[in-house]
Amino acid sequence: MHNAKAAAEHGEGYRAAVLGSPIAHSLSPVLHRAAYEELGLTGWTYDRFEVDEAGLPEFLGGLGPEWAGLSLTMPLKRAVIPLLDEVSETAASVEAVNTVVFGADGRCVGDNTDIPGIVGALREHGIEQVDSAAILGAGATASSALAALARICTGEVVVYVRSEARAAEMRQWGERLDVELRTADWAGAARALHAPLVIATTPAGATDELSRAVPERPATLFDVLYHPWPTDLAARWSAYGGAVVSGLDLLVHQAVLQVEQMTGIVPGPLGAMRRAGEKALADR
């Protein structure tokens, strides 16, 4: 954890960046730079680097003391774990690290801000707790969604998947995270839309066919996509008066937690980061 205020007063700067492959479309630089500007951290920089699993050890090994932290996207979230000095309980629970913070003592600590980011985005929309929920899809984001639901869902979570292999994987996550979980075949995914909270973790286009099945009075949809936005499902959901939480909400909430950890300044500037994200997406 770096003392950003002290560094700023002395005109010193720190470096941070997002790593992944592919990385060109990452919004992280836009969000983090907006935070630095808002916080007056004039010497801080935030870049993006195309790095795959093979190149990660060398990249980490070459970083100097000016580095405050890293954001990680696919495919590095699991690959980084053996390279770290410490991994938070949250990150260990889903075997995925999206945040690395370099301490003043040189230790690198991995964390996962996606999980509290999901919880924070839902809370901002007035959702503190639900008695049941549905997840569409079973990829990496689905396990983070499940870990978030472990904190706020008091009853059953039904996960709709296309393959038995994925279903078995999700049941294992359910056991590990101590969530009451049932898997169901994707063919019946329209039933998911009646849940008090639906989390769609699928790639673009995957839920388009479901938009015709949105109920008359839908509850809350959390769609992790943000570009193109809105998805067909989110648009129909809104039209029927349901609450919609977007992938940009998640992106901003997980990024503000990264900024807080890397700079030591709490609370981070959520509003400024969201405005920067919205503008960048509008400009695409």
Protein backbone atom coordinates (compact mmCIF):
# COMPACT_ATOMS: atom_id res chain seq x y z
CA MET A 1 0.00 0.00 0.00
CA HIS A 2 1.56 3.29 -1.07
CA ASN A 3 1.01 6.59 0.67
CA ALA A 4 -0.33 8.42 -2.36
CA LYS A 5 -0.98 11.68 -0.53
CA ALA A 6 2.61 11.94 0.68
CA ALA A 7 3.89 10.98 -2.77
CA ALA A 8 1.70 13.61 -4.44
CA GLU A 9 2.94 16.32 -2.06
CA HIS A 10 6.54 15.52 -2.96
CA GLY A 11 5.74 15.41 -6.67
CA GLU A 12 6.64 11.73 -6.81
CA GLY A 13 4.83 9.37 -9.08
CA TYR A 14 3.94 5.73 -9.09
CA ARG A 15 3.12 3.40 -11.94
CA ALA A 16 0.25 1.02 -12.44
CA ALA A 17 -1.09 -0.86 -15.45
CA VAL A 18 -3.52 -3.45 -16.74
CA LEU A 19 -2.13 -6.67 -18.22
CA GLY A 20 -3.85 -9.27 -20.36
CA SER A 21 -4.27 -10.65 -23.85
CA PRO A 22 -6.06 -9.23 -25.79
CA ILE A 23 -5.81 -5.89 -23.99
CA ALA A 24 -6.46 -3.14 -26.61
CA HIS A 25 -10.12 -2.68 -25.64
CA SER A 26 -9.59 -2.45 -21.88
CA LEU A 27 -11.34 0.51 -20.25
CA SER A 28 -9.11 0.25 -17.16
CA PRO A 29 -6.68 3.02 -18.26
CA VAL A 30 -9.60 5.43 -18.75
CA LEU A 31 -11.03 4.66 -15.30
CA HIS A 32 -7.78 4.70 -13.33
CA ARG A 33 -6.43 7.85 -15.03
CA ALA A 34 -9.72 9.61 -14.26
CA ALA A 35 -9.27 8.62 -10.62
CA TYR A 36 -5.72 9.97 -10.48
CA GLU A 37 -6.86 13.25 -12.02
CA GLU A 38 -9.73 13.59 -9.55
CA LEU A 39 -7.42 12.77 -6.61
CA GLY A 40 -4.71 15.17 -7.75
CA LEU A 41 -2.13 12.39 -8.19
CA THR A 42 -0.27 14.24 -10.93
CA GLY A 43 2.79 11.98 -10.97
CA TRP A 44 0.87 8.71 -11.28
CA THR A 45 0.63 6.85 -14.60
CA TYR A 46 -1.52 3.92 -15.71
CA ASP A 47 -0.75 1.97 -18.89
CA ARG A 48 -1.80 -1.22 -20.64
CA PHE A 49 0.45 -4.08 -21.68
CA GLU A 50 -0.25 -7.08 -23.88
CA VAL A 51 1.00 -9.96 -21.70
CA ASP A 52 0.08 -13.65 -21.89
CA GLU A 53 0.70 -16.47 -19.36
CA ALA A 54 4.14 -17.25 -20.86
CA GLY A 55 5.29 -13.64 -20.57
CA LEU A 56 3.93 -12.93 -17.09
CA PRO A 57 6.85 -14.13 -14.90
CA GLU A 58 9.35 -12.06 -16.89
CA PHE A 59 7.11 -8.97 -16.80
CA LEU A 60 6.64 -9.18 -13.02
CA GLY A 61 10.35 -9.84 -12.50
CA GLY A 62 11.28 -6.66 -14.35
CA LEU A 63 9.21 -4.22 -12.29
CA GLY A 64 10.98 -1.59 -10.20
CA PRO A 65 10.07 0.06 -6.87
CA GLU A 66 8.01 2.75 -8.63
CA TRP A 67 5.23 0.21 -9.27
CA ALA A 68 2.15 0.47 -7.05
CA GLY A 69 -0.04 -2.20 -8.58
CA LEU A 70 -1.50 -4.10 -11.52
CA SER A 71 -4.95 -4.93 -12.82
CA LEU A 72 -5.19 -8.34 -14.50
CA THR A 73 -7.65 -9.56 -17.11
CA MET A 74 -7.87 -12.83 -19.02
CA PRO A 75 -5.89 -15.07 -19.26
CA LEU A 76 -3.75 -14.05 -16.25
CA LYS A 77 -6.13 -14.21 -13.29
CA ARG A 78 -5.17 -17.76 -12.36
CA ALA A 79 -1.66 -17.85 -13.89
CA VAL A 80 -0.44 -15.10 -11.53
CA ILE A 81 -1.25 -16.95 -8.29
CA PRO A 82 1.99 -18.99 -7.98
CA LEU A 83 4.04 -15.82 -8.65
CA LEU A 84 2.66 -13.89 -5.64
CA ASP A 85 3.82 -13.64 -2.02
CA GLU A 86 0.28 -13.63 -0.68
CA VAL A 87 -3.28 -14.11 -1.95
CA SER A 88 -6.36 -12.72 -0.20
CA GLU A 89 -9.09 -15.03 1.07
CA THR A 90 -11.49 -13.53 -1.48
CA ALA A 91 -9.19 -14.28 -4.42
CA ALA A 92 -8.35 -17.75 -3.11
CA SER A 93 -12.05 -18.59 -2.82
CA VAL A 94 -12.42 -18.50 -6.63
CA GLU A 95 -8.76 -19.06 -7.59
CA ALA A 96 -8.75 -15.77 -9.49
CA VAL A 97 -6.67 -12.63 -8.90
CA ASN A 98 -7.56 -9.43 -10.78
CA THR A 99 -5.54 -7.04 -8.58
CA VAL A 100 -1.88 -7.10 -7.54
CA VAL A 101 -0.62 -4.55 -5.02
CA PHE A 102 3.09 -4.01 -4.36
CA GLY A 103 3.81 -3.13 -0.75
CA ALA A 104 6.57 -0.73 0.32
CA ASP A 105 8.39 -3.86 1.55
CA GLY A 106 8.40 -5.28 -2.00
CA ARG A 107 5.82 -7.99 -1.30
CA CYS A 108 3.23 -8.61 -4.01
CA VAL A 109 -0.26 -9.38 -2.77
CA GLY A 110 -3.09 -10.65 -4.98
CA ASP A 111 -6.75 -9.83 -4.44
CA ASN A 112 -10.06 -10.11 -6.29
CA THR A 113 -12.14 -6.92 -6.50
CA ASP A 114 -14.70 -8.44 -8.91
CA ILE A 115 -16.51 -10.15 -6.01
CA PRO A 116 -16.94 -7.09 -3.75
CA GLY A 117 -17.45 -5.08 -6.98
CA ILE A 118 -20.55 -7.15 -7.81
CA VAL A 119 -21.83 -6.73 -4.24
CA GLY A 120 -21.13 -2.97 -4.38
CA ALA A 121 -22.84 -2.49 -7.75
CA LEU A 122 -25.95 -4.31 -6.49
CA ARG A 123 -25.96 -2.32 -3.25
CA GLU A 124 -25.85 0.92 -5.23
CA HIS A 125 -29.07 -0.26 -6.91
CA GLY A 126 -30.67 -0.94 -3.51
CA ILE A 127 -30.06 -4.69 -3.38
CA GLU A 128 -28.57 -5.75 -0.05
CA GLN A 129 -30.00 -9.26 0.10
CA VAL A 130 -32.06 -11.70 -2.00
CA ASP A 131 -33.73 -14.97 -1.06
CA SER A 132 -32.86 -16.71 -4.35
CA ALA A 133 -31.05 -15.99 -7.61
CA ALA A 134 -30.26 -17.34 -11.07
CA ILE A 135 -26.97 -17.25 -13.00
CA LEU A 136 -26.86 -17.54 -16.78
CA GLY A 137 -23.61 -19.15 -17.92
CA ALA A 138 -20.74 -20.90 -16.15
CA GLY A 139 -17.47 -19.22 -17.13
CA ALA A 140 -14.95 -17.38 -14.95
CA THR A 141 -17.34 -14.50 -14.23
CA ALA A 142 -19.97 -16.98 -13.04
CA SER A 143 -17.74 -18.20 -10.21
CA SER A 144 -17.18 -14.58 -9.08
CA ALA A 145 -20.95 -14.01 -9.27
CA LEU A 146 -21.45 -17.11 -7.15
CA ALA A 147 -18.94 -15.87 -4.57
CA ALA A 148 -20.81 -12.54 -4.45
CA LEU A 149 -24.11 -14.39 -3.99
CA ALA A 150 -22.54 -16.34 -1.11
CA ARG A 151 -22.54 -12.98 0.70
CA ILE A 152 -26.04 -11.74 -0.15
CA CYS A 153 -28.29 -14.67 -1.14
CA THR A 154 -30.05 -16.53 1.67
CA GLY A 155 -31.54 -19.33 -0.46
CA GLU A 156 -31.01 -21.33 -3.63
CA VAL A 157 -28.97 -20.25 -6.66
CA VAL A 158 -29.86 -21.94 -9.96
CA VAL A 159 -27.16 -21.91 -12.65
CA TYR A 160 -28.21 -22.43 -16.29
CA VAL A 161 -25.50 -24.08 -18.36
CA ARG A 162 -25.01 -25.65 -21.78
CA SER A 163 -22.77 -28.60 -20.86
CA GLU A 164 -22.67 -31.20 -18.11
CA ALA A 165 -18.93 -30.55 -17.63
CA ARG A 166 -19.64 -26.90 -16.82
CA ALA A 167 -22.54 -27.92 -14.59
CA ALA A 168 -20.27 -30.22 -12.58
CA GLU A 169 -17.71 -27.40 -12.27
CA MET A 170 -20.33 -25.00 -10.94
CA ARG A 171 -21.58 -27.56 -8.42
CA GLN A 172 -18.01 -27.83 -7.14
CA TRP A 173 -17.82 -24.05 -6.79
CA GLY A 174 -21.14 -24.14 -4.93
CA GLU A 175 -19.71 -26.61 -2.43
CA ARG A 176 -16.50 -24.64 -1.99
CA LEU A 177 -18.34 -21.36 -1.50
CA ASP A 178 -21.03 -22.95 0.68
CA VAL A 179 -23.88 -21.89 -1.62
CA GLU A 180 -27.10 -23.89 -2.02
CA LEU A 181 -26.73 -24.48 -5.75
CA ARG A 182 -28.65 -26.33 -8.42
CA THR A 183 -27.72 -26.57 -12.09
CA ALA A 184 -30.25 -26.61 -14.92
CA ASP A 185 -30.04 -27.05 -18.67
CA TRP A 186 -29.75 -23.92 -20.81
CA ALA A 187 -32.85 -25.03 -22.76
CA GLY A 188 -34.92 -23.99 -19.73
CA ALA A 189 -33.16 -20.66 -19.19
CA ALA A 190 -36.37 -18.66 -19.71
CA ARG A 191 -37.40 -19.84 -16.23
CA ALA A 192 -34.39 -18.00 -14.79
CA LEU A 193 -35.98 -14.67 -15.68
CA HIS A 194 -38.55 -15.03 -12.89
CA ALA A 195 -35.89 -15.01 -10.15
CA PRO A 196 -35.58 -11.97 -7.84
CA LEU A 197 -32.04 -11.50 -9.16
CA VAL A 198 -30.71 -12.73 -12.52
CA ILE A 199 -26.97 -12.47 -13.24
CA ALA A 200 -26.11 -12.90 -16.93
CA THR A 201 -22.42 -13.83 -17.34
CA THR A 202 -22.60 -14.99 -20.97
CA PRO A 203 -20.81 -13.54 -24.05
CA ALA A 204 -22.46 -11.00 -26.36
CA GLY A 205 -25.50 -12.37 -28.17
CA ALA A 206 -25.92 -15.45 -25.96
CA THR A 207 -29.02 -14.13 -24.15
CA ASP A 208 -30.67 -12.39 -27.14
CA GLU A 209 -33.11 -15.27 -27.64
CA LEU A 210 -34.22 -14.93 -23.99
CA SER A 211 -35.34 -11.32 -24.40
CA ARG A 212 -38.69 -12.52 -25.76
CA ALA A 213 -39.29 -14.40 -22.50
CA VAL A 214 -38.89 -11.45 -20.08
CA PRO A 215 -41.82 -11.57 -17.63
CA GLU A 216 -44.31 -8.69 -17.32
CA ARG A 217 -42.95 -7.56 -13.97
CA PRO A 218 -39.25 -8.48 -13.91
CA ALA A 219 -37.17 -7.92 -10.76
CA THR A 220 -33.42 -7.21 -11.17
CA LEU A 221 -31.06 -8.13 -14.00
CA PHE A 222 -27.28 -7.83 -13.62
CA ASP A 223 -25.81 -8.15 -17.12
CA VAL A 224 -22.00 -8.18 -16.99
CA LEU A 225 -21.62 -6.92 -20.59
CA TYR A 226 -21.04 -3.22 -21.29
CA HIS A 227 -20.25 -3.04 -25.03
CA PRO A 228 -22.39 -3.12 -27.05
CA TRP A 229 -24.96 -1.80 -24.57
CA PRO A 230 -27.75 -2.34 -23.88
CA THR A 231 -28.01 -6.03 -24.71
CA ASP A 232 -31.37 -7.16 -26.14
CA LEU A 233 -32.16 -8.73 -22.77
CA ALA A 234 -31.28 -5.58 -20.79
CA ALA A 235 -33.27 -3.35 -23.18
CA ARG A 236 -36.40 -5.50 -22.91
CA TRP A 237 -35.94 -5.79 -19.13
CA SER A 238 -35.81 -1.98 -18.77
CA ALA A 239 -38.81 -1.54 -21.07
CA TYR A 240 -40.82 -3.79 -18.74
CA GLY A 241 -39.81 -1.69 -15.72
CA GLY A 242 -37.21 -4.05 -14.26
CA ALA A 243 -34.02 -2.81 -12.57
CA VAL A 244 -30.85 -3.28 -14.64
CA VAL A 245 -27.27 -3.30 -13.35
CA SER A 246 -24.72 -3.14 -16.17
CA GLY A 247 -21.22 -4.40 -16.82
CA LEU A 248 -20.03 -0.78 -16.58
CA ASP A 249 -21.40 -0.69 -13.00
CA LEU A 250 -19.28 -3.75 -12.23
CA LEU A 251 -16.24 -2.37 -14.04
CA VAL A 252 -16.35 0.90 -12.11
CA HIS A 253 -17.00 -0.72 -8.74
CA GLN A 254 -14.15 -3.23 -9.08
CA ALA A 255 -11.81 -0.52 -10.43
CA VAL A 256 -12.49 1.94 -7.58
CA LEU A 257 -11.52 -0.79 -5.11
CA GLN A 258 -8.27 -1.28 -7.06
CA VAL A 259 -7.55 2.46 -6.91
CA GLU A 260 -8.16 2.47 -3.15
CA GLN A 261 -5.79 -0.46 -2.63
CA MET A 262 -3.05 0.88 -4.88
CA THR A 263 -3.12 4.51 -3.67
CA GLY A 264 -4.23 4.08 -0.06
CA ILE A 265 -6.88 6.79 -0.58
CA VAL A 266 -10.40 5.84 0.59
CA PRO A 267 -13.03 6.35 -0.68
CA GLY A 268 -11.99 6.36 -4.32
CA PRO A 269 -13.73 8.73 -6.79
CA LEU A 270 -16.50 6.44 -8.07
CA GLY A 271 -18.49 9.21 -9.78
CA ALA A 272 -15.54 10.61 -11.75
CA MET A 273 -14.56 7.10 -12.87
CA ARG A 274 -18.09 6.27 -14.00
CA ARG A 275 -18.38 9.51 -16.00
CA ALA A 276 -15.05 8.75 -17.72
CA GLY A 277 -16.20 5.21 -18.54
CA GLU A 278 -19.53 6.38 -19.94
CA LYS A 279 -17.81 8.98 -22.12
CA ALA A 280 -15.26 6.44 -23.44
CA LEU A 281 -18.04 3.98 -24.36
CA ALA A 282 -20.09 6.74 -26.02
CA ASP A 283 -17.04 7.67 -28.11
CA ARG A 284 -16.45 4.09 -29.35
